[in-house]
Amino acid sequence: VSMQTVFNNKVNEQTGSWTTTMLVLFMGFVASLLASLIFEGKNTF
């Protein structure tokens, strides 16, 4: 959480708060979808 907050702040310095939020949550979606498919397979859905 602490590390993500620092990274988010650095992104926010170059973009805006809403762009940062969208980027963070989209990247989180992609990462969690891939991890879920790998570890849970068809049970993901």
All heavy atoms as atom14 arrays in JSON, in Angstrom:
{
  "sequence": "VSMQTVFNNKVNEQTGSWTTTMLVLFMGFVASLLASLIFEGKNTF",
  "atom14_mask": [
    [1, 1, 1, 1, 1, 1, 1, 0, 0, 0, 0, 0, 0, 0],
    [1, 1, 1, 1, 1, 1, 0, 0, 0, 0, 0, 0, 0, 0],
    [1, 1, 1, 1, 1, 1, 1, 1, 0, 0, 0, 0, 0, 0],
    [1, 1, 1, 1, 1, 1, 1, 1, 1, 0, 0, 0, 0, 0],
    [1, 1, 1, 1, 1, 1, 1, 0, 0, 0, 0, 0, 0, 0],
    [1, 1, 1, 1, 1, 1, 1, 0, 0, 0, 0, 0, 0, 0],
    [1, 1, 1, 1, 1, 1, 1, 1, 1, 1, 1, 0, 0, 0],
    [1, 1, 1, 1, 1, 1, 1, 1, 0, 0, 0, 0, 0, 0],
    [1, 1, 1, 1, 1, 1, 1, 1, 0, 0, 0, 0, 0, 0],
    [1, 1, 1, 1, 1, 1, 1, 1, 1, 0, 0, 0, 0, 0],
    [1, 1, 1, 1, 1, 1, 1, 0, 0, 0, 0, 0, 0, 0],
    [1, 1, 1, 1, 1, 1, 1, 1, 0, 0, 0, 0, 0, 0],
    [1, 1, 1, 1, 1, 1, 1, 1, 1, 0, 0, 0, 0, 0],
    [1, 1, 1, 1, 1, 1, 1, 1, 1, 0, 0, 0, 0, 0],
    [1, 1, 1, 1, 1, 1, 1, 0, 0, 0, 0, 0, 0, 0],
    [1, 1, 1, 1, 0, 0, 0, 0, 0, 0, 0, 0, 0, 0],
    [1, 1, 1, 1, 1, 1, 0, 0, 0, 0, 0, 0, 0, 0],
    [1, 1, 1, 1, 1, 1, 1, 1, 1, 1, 1, 1, 1, 1],
    [1, 1, 1, 1, 1, 1, 1, 0, 0, 0, 0, 0, 0, 0],
    [1, 1, 1, 1, 1, 1, 1, 0, 0, 0, 0, 0, 0, 0],
    [1, 1, 1, 1, 1, 1, 1, 0, 0, 0, 0, 0, 0, 0],
    [1, 1, 1, 1, 1, 1, 1, 1, 0, 0, 0, 0, 0, 0],
    [1, 1, 1, 1, 1, 1, 1, 1, 0, 0, 0, 0, 0, 0],
    [1, 1, 1, 1, 1, 1, 1, 0, 0, 0, 0, 0, 0, 0],
    [1, 1, 1, 1, 1, 1, 1, 1, 0, 0, 0, 0, 0, 0],
    [1, 1, 1, 1, 1, 1, 1, 1, 1, 1, 1, 0, 0, 0],
    [1, 1, 1, 1, 1, 1, 1, 1, 0, 0, 0, 0, 0, 0],
    [1, 1, 1, 1, 0, 0, 0, 0, 0, 0, 0, 0, 0, 0],
    [1, 1, 1, 1, 1, 1, 1, 1, 1, 1, 1, 0, 0, 0],
    [1, 1, 1, 1, 1, 1, 1, 0, 0, 0, 0, 0, 0, 0],
    [1, 1, 1, 1, 1, 0, 0, 0, 0, 0, 0, 0, 0, 0],
    [1, 1, 1, 1, 1, 1, 0, 0, 0, 0, 0, 0, 0, 0],
    [1, 1, 1, 1, 1, 1, 1, 1, 0, 0, 0, 0, 0, 0],
    [1, 1, 1, 1, 1, 1, 1, 1, 0, 0, 0, 0, 0, 0],
    [1, 1, 1, 1, 1, 0, 0, 0, 0, 0, 0, 0, 0, 0],
    [1, 1, 1, 1, 1, 1, 0, 0, 0, 0, 0, 0, 0, 0],
    [1, 1, 1, 1, 1, 1, 1, 1, 0, 0, 0, 0, 0, 0],
    [1, 1, 1, 1, 1, 1, 1, 1, 0, 0, 0, 0, 0, 0],
    [1, 1, 1, 1, 1, 1, 1, 1, 1, 1, 1, 0, 0, 0],
    [1, 1, 1, 1, 1, 1, 1, 1, 1, 0, 0, 0, 0, 0],
    [1, 1, 1, 1, 0, 0, 0, 0, 0, 0, 0, 0, 0, 0],
    [1, 1, 1, 1, 1, 1, 1, 1, 1, 0, 0, 0, 0, 0],
    [1, 1, 1, 1, 1, 1, 1, 1, 0, 0, 0, 0, 0, 0],
    [1, 1, 1, 1, 1, 1, 1, 0, 0, 0, 0, 0, 0, 0],
    [1, 1, 1, 1, 1, 1, 1, 1, 1, 1, 1, 0, 0, 0]
  ],
  "atom14_positions": [
    [[0.84, -1.21, 0.0], [0.0, 0.0, 0.0], [0.87, 1.25, 0.0], [0.65, 2.19, -0.77], [-0.97, 0.01, 1.2], [-1.62, 1.37, 1.36], [-2.04, -1.06, 1.04], [0.0, 0.0, 0.0], [0.0, 0.0, 0.0], [0.0, 0.0, 0.0], [0.0, 0.0, 0.0], [0.0, 0.0, 0.0], [0.0, 0.0, 0.0], [0.0, 0.0, 0.0]],
    [[1.9, 1.25, 0.85], [2.79, 2.41, 0.9], [3.54, 2.6, -0.42], [3.66, 3.71, -0.93], [3.79, 2.26, 2.04], [3.12, 2.28, 3.27], [0.0, 0.0, 0.0], [0.0, 0.0, 0.0], [0.0, 0.0, 0.0], [0.0, 0.0, 0.0], [0.0, 0.0, 0.0], [0.0, 0.0, 0.0], [0.0, 0.0, 0.0], [0.0, 0.0, 0.0]],
    [[4.04, 1.51, -0.97], [4.77, 1.59, -2.23], [3.85, 2.03, -3.37], [4.2, 2.88, -4.18], [5.4, 0.22, -2.54], [6.33, 0.25, -3.73], [7.31, -1.26, -3.92], [6.06, -2.53, -3.96], [0.0, 0.0, 0.0], [0.0, 0.0, 0.0], [0.0, 0.0, 0.0], [0.0, 0.0, 0.0], [0.0, 0.0, 0.0], [0.0, 0.0, 0.0]],
    [[2.64, 1.47, -3.4], [1.7, 1.84, -4.45], [1.35, 3.33, -4.36], [1.22, 4.01, -5.37], [0.43, 1.01, -4.39], [-0.55, 1.36, -5.49], [-1.91, 0.73, -5.33], [-2.31, 0.37, -4.23], [-2.64, 0.62, -6.42], [0.0, 0.0, 0.0], [0.0, 0.0, 0.0], [0.0, 0.0, 0.0], [0.0, 0.0, 0.0], [0.0, 0.0, 0.0]],
    [[1.22, 3.83, -3.16], [0.87, 5.23, -2.97], [1.97, 6.14, -3.52], [1.69, 7.15, -4.15], [0.62, 5.52, -1.48], [-0.41, 4.64, -1.02], [0.16, 6.95, -1.26], [0.0, 0.0, 0.0], [0.0, 0.0, 0.0], [0.0, 0.0, 0.0], [0.0, 0.0, 0.0], [0.0, 0.0, 0.0], [0.0, 0.0, 0.0], [0.0, 0.0, 0.0]],
    [[3.22, 5.77, -3.29], [4.34, 6.54, -3.84], [4.29, 6.49, -5.37], [4.42, 7.53, -6.04], [5.69, 6.01, -3.31], [6.85, 6.67, -4.03], [5.79, 6.24, -1.8], [0.0, 0.0, 0.0], [0.0, 0.0, 0.0], [0.0, 0.0, 0.0], [0.0, 0.0, 0.0], [0.0, 0.0, 0.0], [0.0, 0.0, 0.0], [0.0, 0.0, 0.0]],
    [[4.1, 5.3, -5.94], [4.04, 5.18, -7.39], [2.87, 5.99, -7.95], [3.02, 6.69, -8.95], [3.87, 3.71, -7.79], [5.1, 2.86, -7.65], [6.23, 3.29, -6.97], [5.13, 1.59, -8.2], [7.35, 2.49, -6.83], [6.25, 0.78, -8.08], [7.36, 1.24, -7.4], [0.0, 0.0, 0.0], [0.0, 0.0, 0.0], [0.0, 0.0, 0.0]],
    [[1.72, 5.88, -7.3], [0.54, 6.63, -7.75], [0.81, 8.12, -7.74], [0.39, 8.84, -8.65], [-0.67, 6.32, -6.87], [-1.16, 4.91, -7.01], [-0.7, 4.14, -7.84], [-2.1, 4.54, -6.15], [0.0, 0.0, 0.0], [0.0, 0.0, 0.0], [0.0, 0.0, 0.0], [0.0, 0.0, 0.0], [0.0, 0.0, 0.0], [0.0, 0.0, 0.0]],
    [[1.49, 8.59, -6.71], [1.8, 10.01, -6.62], [2.7, 10.45, -7.77], [2.52, 11.54, -8.33], [2.47, 10.32, -5.28], [2.58, 11.8, -5.04], [1.61, 12.54, -5.13], [3.79, 12.26, -4.75], [0.0, 0.0, 0.0], [0.0, 0.0, 0.0], [0.0, 0.0, 0.0], [0.0, 0.0, 0.0], [0.0, 0.0, 0.0], [0.0, 0.0, 0.0]],
    [[3.67, 9.62, -8.14], [4.56, 9.95, -9.25], [3.79, 10.0, -10.57], [4.05, 10.86, -11.41], [5.72, 8.95, -9.33], [6.66, 9.01, -8.15], [7.27, 10.39, -8.02], [8.21, 10.47, -6.85], [8.73, 11.81, -6.62], [0.0, 0.0, 0.0], [0.0, 0.0, 0.0], [0.0, 0.0, 0.0], [0.0, 0.0, 0.0], [0.0, 0.0, 0.0]],
    [[2.85, 9.08, -10.77], [2.01, 9.12, -11.97], [1.16, 10.38, -11.95], [1.02, 11.08, -12.95], [1.12, 7.86, -12.07], [0.11, 7.98, -13.21], [1.98, 6.61, -12.26], [0.0, 0.0, 0.0], [0.0, 0.0, 0.0], [0.0, 0.0, 0.0], [0.0, 0.0, 0.0], [0.0, 0.0, 0.0], [0.0, 0.0, 0.0], [0.0, 0.0, 0.0]],
    [[0.6, 10.7, -10.78], [-0.27, 11.87, -10.64], [0.47, 13.17, -10.96], [-0.13, 14.11, -11.46], [-0.84, 11.92, -9.23], [-1.87, 13.01, -9.06], [-2.85, 13.07, -9.8], [-1.64, 13.89, -8.11], [0.0, 0.0, 0.0], [0.0, 0.0, 0.0], [0.0, 0.0, 0.0], [0.0, 0.0, 0.0], [0.0, 0.0, 0.0], [0.0, 0.0, 0.0]],
    [[1.76, 13.22, -10.68], [2.54, 14.42, -11.0], [2.58, 14.69, -12.49], [2.72, 15.83, -12.92], [3.97, 14.28, -10.46], [4.07, 14.36, -8.95], [5.47, 14.06, -8.43], [6.4, 13.8, -9.24], [5.65, 14.07, -7.19], [0.0, 0.0, 0.0], [0.0, 0.0, 0.0], [0.0, 0.0, 0.0], [0.0, 0.0, 0.0], [0.0, 0.0, 0.0]],
    [[2.47, 13.65, -13.31], [2.55, 13.79, -14.76], [1.18, 13.81, -15.43], [1.06, 14.24, -16.58], [3.37, 12.63, -15.35], [4.76, 12.51, -14.79], [5.59, 13.77, -15.01], [5.57, 14.34, -16.09], [6.29, 14.2, -13.97], [0.0, 0.0, 0.0], [0.0, 0.0, 0.0], [0.0, 0.0, 0.0], [0.0, 0.0, 0.0], [0.0, 0.0, 0.0]],
    [[0.16, 13.32, -14.73], [-1.18, 13.27, -15.32], [-2.13, 14.02, -14.4], [-1.83, 15.12, -13.98], [-1.64, 11.8, -15.52], [-1.74, 11.16, -14.25], [-0.68, 11.02, -16.4], [0.0, 0.0, 0.0], [0.0, 0.0, 0.0], [0.0, 0.0, 0.0], [0.0, 0.0, 0.0], [0.0, 0.0, 0.0], [0.0, 0.0, 0.0], [0.0, 0.0, 0.0]],
    [[-3.21, 13.44, -14.07], [-4.16, 14.0, -13.12], [-4.65, 12.9, -12.21], [-4.39, 11.72, -12.44], [0.0, 0.0, 0.0], [0.0, 0.0, 0.0], [0.0, 0.0, 0.0], [0.0, 0.0, 0.0], [0.0, 0.0, 0.0], [0.0, 0.0, 0.0], [0.0, 0.0, 0.0], [0.0, 0.0, 0.0], [0.0, 0.0, 0.0], [0.0, 0.0, 0.0]],
    [[-5.4, 13.27, -11.19], [-5.86, 12.29, -10.21], [-6.79, 11.25, -10.81], [-6.71, 10.07, -10.49], [-6.57, 13.0, -9.06], [-5.65, 13.8, -8.36], [0.0, 0.0, 0.0], [0.0, 0.0, 0.0], [0.0, 0.0, 0.0], [0.0, 0.0, 0.0], [0.0, 0.0, 0.0], [0.0, 0.0, 0.0], [0.0, 0.0, 0.0], [0.0, 0.0, 0.0]],
    [[-7.67, 11.67, -11.7], [-8.61, 10.71, -12.28], [-7.92, 9.81, -13.28], [-8.23, 8.61, -13.36], [-9.81, 11.42, -12.9], [-10.68, 11.99, -11.83], [-10.9, 13.31, -11.56], [-11.42, 11.27, -10.84], [-11.72, 13.44, -10.48], [-12.07, 12.2, -10.01], [-11.6, 9.92, -10.56], [-12.87, 11.84, -8.94], [-12.4, 9.55, -9.49], [-13.02, 10.51, -8.7]],
    [[-6.96, 10.35, -14.03], [-6.18, 9.5, -14.95], [-5.37, 8.49, -14.17], [-5.29, 7.31, -14.53], [-5.27, 10.37, -15.84], [-6.07, 11.3, -16.55], [-4.47, 9.52, -16.81], [0.0, 0.0, 0.0], [0.0, 0.0, 0.0], [0.0, 0.0, 0.0], [0.0, 0.0, 0.0], [0.0, 0.0, 0.0], [0.0, 0.0, 0.0], [0.0, 0.0, 0.0]],
    [[-4.77, 8.95, -13.08], [-4.0, 8.04, -12.22], [-4.9, 6.94, -11.68], [-4.53, 5.75, -11.71], [-3.36, 8.81, -11.05], [-2.49, 9.81, -11.58], [-2.59, 7.9, -10.12], [0.0, 0.0, 0.0], [0.0, 0.0, 0.0], [0.0, 0.0, 0.0], [0.0, 0.0, 0.0], [0.0, 0.0, 0.0], [0.0, 0.0, 0.0], [0.0, 0.0, 0.0]],
    [[-6.06, 7.3, -11.18], [-6.99, 6.32, -10.63], [-7.39, 5.3, -11.69], [-7.38, 4.09, -11.44], [-8.23, 7.04, -10.07], [-7.82, 7.96, -9.06], [-9.23, 6.05, -9.48], [0.0, 0.0, 0.0], [0.0, 0.0, 0.0], [0.0, 0.0, 0.0], [0.0, 0.0, 0.0], [0.0, 0.0, 0.0], [0.0, 0.0, 0.0], [0.0, 0.0, 0.0]],
    [[-7.71, 5.77, -12.89], [-8.1, 4.88, -13.97], [-6.95, 3.94, -14.34], [-7.14, 2.73, -14.47], [-8.53, 5.7, -15.19], [-9.07, 4.86, -16.31], [-8.19, 4.88, -17.91], [-7.01, 6.15, -17.86], [0.0, 0.0, 0.0], [0.0, 0.0, 0.0], [0.0, 0.0, 0.0], [0.0, 0.0, 0.0], [0.0, 0.0, 0.0], [0.0, 0.0, 0.0]],
    [[-5.77, 4.48, -14.46], [-4.6, 3.67, -14.82], [-4.31, 2.6, -13.77], [-4.08, 1.44, -14.1], [-3.39, 4.6, -14.95], [-2.72, 4.61, -16.3], [-2.09, 5.96, -16.54], [-1.7, 3.52, -16.4], [0.0, 0.0, 0.0], [0.0, 0.0, 0.0], [0.0, 0.0, 0.0], [0.0, 0.0, 0.0], [0.0, 0.0, 0.0], [0.0, 0.0, 0.0]],
    [[-4.33, 3.0, -12.5], [-4.04, 2.08, -11.4], [-5.06, 0.94, -11.38], [-4.69, -0.24, -11.29], [-4.04, 2.83, -10.05], [-4.09, 1.88, -8.88], [-2.83, 3.74, -9.96], [0.0, 0.0, 0.0], [0.0, 0.0, 0.0], [0.0, 0.0, 0.0], [0.0, 0.0, 0.0], [0.0, 0.0, 0.0], [0.0, 0.0, 0.0], [0.0, 0.0, 0.0]],
    [[-6.32, 1.28, -11.48], [-7.35, 0.25, -11.4], [-7.39, -0.62, -12.65], [-7.64, -1.83, -12.56], [-8.71, 0.88, -11.1], [-8.8, 1.54, -9.71], [-10.11, 2.26, -9.54], [-8.6, 0.51, -8.62], [0.0, 0.0, 0.0], [0.0, 0.0, 0.0], [0.0, 0.0, 0.0], [0.0, 0.0, 0.0], [0.0, 0.0, 0.0], [0.0, 0.0, 0.0]],
    [[-7.09, -0.05, -13.81], [-7.04, -0.85, -15.03], [-5.87, -1.84, -14.97], [-6.03, -3.02, -15.29], [-6.92, 0.02, -16.28], [-6.8, -0.79, -17.54], [-7.9, -1.48, -18.05], [-5.58, -0.88, -18.19], [-7.78, -2.24, -19.2], [-5.46, -1.65, -19.34], [-6.55, -2.33, -19.85], [0.0, 0.0, 0.0], [0.0, 0.0, 0.0], [0.0, 0.0, 0.0]],
    [[-4.71, -1.37, -14.54], [-3.55, -2.25, -14.43], [-3.81, -3.32, -13.37], [-3.41, -4.47, -13.53], [-2.28, -1.46, -14.1], [-1.85, -0.5, -15.2], [-1.55, -1.31, -16.78], [-0.13, -2.29, -16.37], [0.0, 0.0, 0.0], [0.0, 0.0, 0.0], [0.0, 0.0, 0.0], [0.0, 0.0, 0.0], [0.0, 0.0, 0.0], [0.0, 0.0, 0.0]],
    [[-4.48, -2.95, -12.29], [-4.87, -3.92, -11.28], [-5.82, -4.96, -11.83], [-5.71, -6.16, -11.52], [0.0, 0.0, 0.0], [0.0, 0.0, 0.0], [0.0, 0.0, 0.0], [0.0, 0.0, 0.0], [0.0, 0.0, 0.0], [0.0, 0.0, 0.0], [0.0, 0.0, 0.0], [0.0, 0.0, 0.0], [0.0, 0.0, 0.0], [0.0, 0.0, 0.0]],
    [[-6.76, -4.52, -12.67], [-7.69, -5.45, -13.3], [-6.94, -6.45, -14.17], [-7.16, -7.67, -14.08], [-8.72, -4.69, -14.16], [-9.51, -5.59, -15.07], [-10.53, -6.37, -14.57], [-9.22, -5.65, -16.42], [-11.26, -7.21, -15.4], [-9.93, -6.5, -17.26], [-10.96, -7.27, -16.76], [0.0, 0.0, 0.0], [0.0, 0.0, 0.0], [0.0, 0.0, 0.0]],
    [[-6.02, -5.96, -15.0], [-5.27, -6.84, -15.89], [-4.44, -7.84, -15.07], [-4.46, -9.05, -15.34], [-4.36, -6.02, -16.84], [-3.39, -6.91, -17.6], [-5.21, -5.2, -17.81], [0.0, 0.0, 0.0], [0.0, 0.0, 0.0], [0.0, 0.0, 0.0], [0.0, 0.0, 0.0], [0.0, 0.0, 0.0], [0.0, 0.0, 0.0], [0.0, 0.0, 0.0]],
    [[-3.74, -7.34, -14.05], [-2.89, -8.22, -13.23], [-3.73, -9.26, -12.49], [-3.37, -10.44, -12.45], [-2.07, -7.39, -12.25], [0.0, 0.0, 0.0], [0.0, 0.0, 0.0], [0.0, 0.0, 0.0], [0.0, 0.0, 0.0], [0.0, 0.0, 0.0], [0.0, 0.0, 0.0], [0.0, 0.0, 0.0], [0.0, 0.0, 0.0], [0.0, 0.0, 0.0]],
    [[-4.85, -8.84, -11.91], [-5.66, -9.79, -11.16], [-6.38, -10.77, -12.08], [-6.55, -11.94, -11.73], [-6.65, -9.07, -10.23], [-7.52, -8.26, -10.97], [0.0, 0.0, 0.0], [0.0, 0.0, 0.0], [0.0, 0.0, 0.0], [0.0, 0.0, 0.0], [0.0, 0.0, 0.0], [0.0, 0.0, 0.0], [0.0, 0.0, 0.0], [0.0, 0.0, 0.0]],
    [[-6.77, -10.35, -13.27], [-7.38, -11.26, -14.23], [-6.38, -12.35, -14.63], [-6.71, -13.54, -14.62], [-7.87, -10.52, -15.47], [-8.47, -11.4, -16.58], [-9.72, -12.12, -16.1], [-8.77, -10.56, -17.81], [0.0, 0.0, 0.0], [0.0, 0.0, 0.0], [0.0, 0.0, 0.0], [0.0, 0.0, 0.0], [0.0, 0.0, 0.0], [0.0, 0.0, 0.0]],
    [[-5.16, -11.95, -14.97], [-4.14, -12.93, -15.35], [-3.83, -13.88, -14.19], [-3.76, -15.1, -14.39], [-2.88, -12.22, -15.82], [-2.99, -11.47, -17.15], [-1.71, -10.68, -17.44], [-3.33, -12.41, -18.28], [0.0, 0.0, 0.0], [0.0, 0.0, 0.0], [0.0, 0.0, 0.0], [0.0, 0.0, 0.0], [0.0, 0.0, 0.0], [0.0, 0.0, 0.0]],
    [[-3.65, -13.33, -12.98], [-3.34, -14.19, -11.83], [-4.5, -15.14, -11.55], [-4.28, -16.32, -11.26], [-3.06, -13.33, -10.6], [0.0, 0.0, 0.0], [0.0, 0.0, 0.0], [0.0, 0.0, 0.0], [0.0, 0.0, 0.0], [0.0, 0.0, 0.0], [0.0, 0.0, 0.0], [0.0, 0.0, 0.0], [0.0, 0.0, 0.0], [0.0, 0.0, 0.0]],
    [[-5.71, -14.66, -11.66], [-6.88, -15.5, -11.42], [-6.97, -16.62, -12.45], [-7.25, -17.77, -12.11], [-8.15, -14.66, -11.44], [-9.28, -15.45, -11.18], [0.0, 0.0, 0.0], [0.0, 0.0, 0.0], [0.0, 0.0, 0.0], [0.0, 0.0, 0.0], [0.0, 0.0, 0.0], [0.0, 0.0, 0.0], [0.0, 0.0, 0.0], [0.0, 0.0, 0.0]],
    [[-6.73, -16.3, -13.7], [-6.77, -17.32, -14.74], [-5.68, -18.38, -14.53], [-5.9, -19.56, -14.74], [-6.64, -16.69, -16.13], [-7.85, -15.88, -16.59], [-7.54, -15.13, -17.87], [-9.08, -16.77, -16.76], [0.0, 0.0, 0.0], [0.0, 0.0, 0.0], [0.0, 0.0, 0.0], [0.0, 0.0, 0.0], [0.0, 0.0, 0.0], [0.0, 0.0, 0.0]],
    [[-4.52, -17.94, -14.08], [-3.41, -18.88, -13.83], [-3.71, -19.77, -12.63], [-3.54, -20.98, -12.69], [-2.09, -18.11, -13.63], [-1.64, -17.49, -14.95], [-0.99, -19.02, -13.08], [-0.52, -16.46, -14.81], [0.0, 0.0, 0.0], [0.0, 0.0, 0.0], [0.0, 0.0, 0.0], [0.0, 0.0, 0.0], [0.0, 0.0, 0.0], [0.0, 0.0, 0.0]],
    [[-4.15, -19.16, -11.53], [-4.3, -19.92, -10.28], [-5.68, -20.56, -10.09], [-5.8, -21.56, -9.4], [-3.96, -19.04, -9.08], [-2.52, -18.63, -9.04], [-2.15, -17.33, -9.32], [-1.53, -19.55, -8.74], [-0.81, -16.95, -9.3], [-0.2, -19.18, -8.72], [0.16, -17.88, -9.0], [0.0, 0.0, 0.0], [0.0, 0.0, 0.0], [0.0, 0.0, 0.0]],
    [[-6.72, -19.96, -10.67], [-8.06, -20.49, -10.46], [-8.69, -21.05, -11.72], [-9.74, -21.69, -11.65], [-8.96, -19.4, -9.86], [-8.48, -18.96, -8.48], [-9.29, -17.81, -7.9], [-10.25, -17.35, -8.54], [-8.95, -17.38, -6.79], [0.0, 0.0, 0.0], [0.0, 0.0, 0.0], [0.0, 0.0, 0.0], [0.0, 0.0, 0.0], [0.0, 0.0, 0.0]],
    [[-8.09, -20.76, -12.85], [-8.58, -21.3, -14.12], [-10.01, -20.91, -14.41], [-10.4, -19.76, -14.25], [0.0, 0.0, 0.0], [0.0, 0.0, 0.0], [0.0, 0.0, 0.0], [0.0, 0.0, 0.0], [0.0, 0.0, 0.0], [0.0, 0.0, 0.0], [0.0, 0.0, 0.0], [0.0, 0.0, 0.0], [0.0, 0.0, 0.0], [0.0, 0.0, 0.0]],
    [[-10.82, -21.9, -14.79], [-12.21, -21.63, -15.18], [-13.06, -21.16, -14.0], [-14.11, -20.56, -14.2], [-12.83, -22.85, -15.84], [-12.98, -24.04, -14.92], [-13.61, -25.21, -15.63], [-13.76, -26.36, -14.63], [-14.42, -27.5, -15.23], [0.0, 0.0, 0.0], [0.0, 0.0, 0.0], [0.0, 0.0, 0.0], [0.0, 0.0, 0.0], [0.0, 0.0, 0.0]],
    [[-12.61, -21.39, -12.77], [-13.37, -20.92, -11.6], [-13.34, -19.39, -11.45], [-14.08, -18.85, -10.65], [-12.84, -21.56, -10.33], [-13.14, -23.05, -10.27], [-14.12, -23.49, -10.85], [-12.29, -23.8, -9.6], [0.0, 0.0, 0.0], [0.0, 0.0, 0.0], [0.0, 0.0, 0.0], [0.0, 0.0, 0.0], [0.0, 0.0, 0.0], [0.0, 0.0, 0.0]],
    [[-12.5, -18.74, -12.24], [-12.43, -17.28, -12.22], [-13.8, -16.66, -12.44], [-14.14, -15.65, -11.83], [-11.45, -16.78, -13.31], [-10.14, -17.18, -12.94], [-11.5, -15.27, -13.47], [0.0, 0.0, 0.0], [0.0, 0.0, 0.0], [0.0, 0.0, 0.0], [0.0, 0.0, 0.0], [0.0, 0.0, 0.0], [0.0, 0.0, 0.0], [0.0, 0.0, 0.0]],
    [[-14.58, -17.26, -13.31], [-15.86, -16.65, -13.69], [-17.05, -17.29, -12.98], [-18.2, -17.04, -13.36], [-16.01, -16.72, -15.21], [-14.88, -16.02, -15.91], [-13.88, -16.75, -16.52], [-14.8, -14.64, -15.92], [-12.82, -16.11, -17.15], [-13.75, -13.99, -16.53], [-12.76, -14.73, -17.16], [0.0, 0.0, 0.0], [0.0, 0.0, 0.0], [0.0, 0.0, 0.0]]
  ]
}
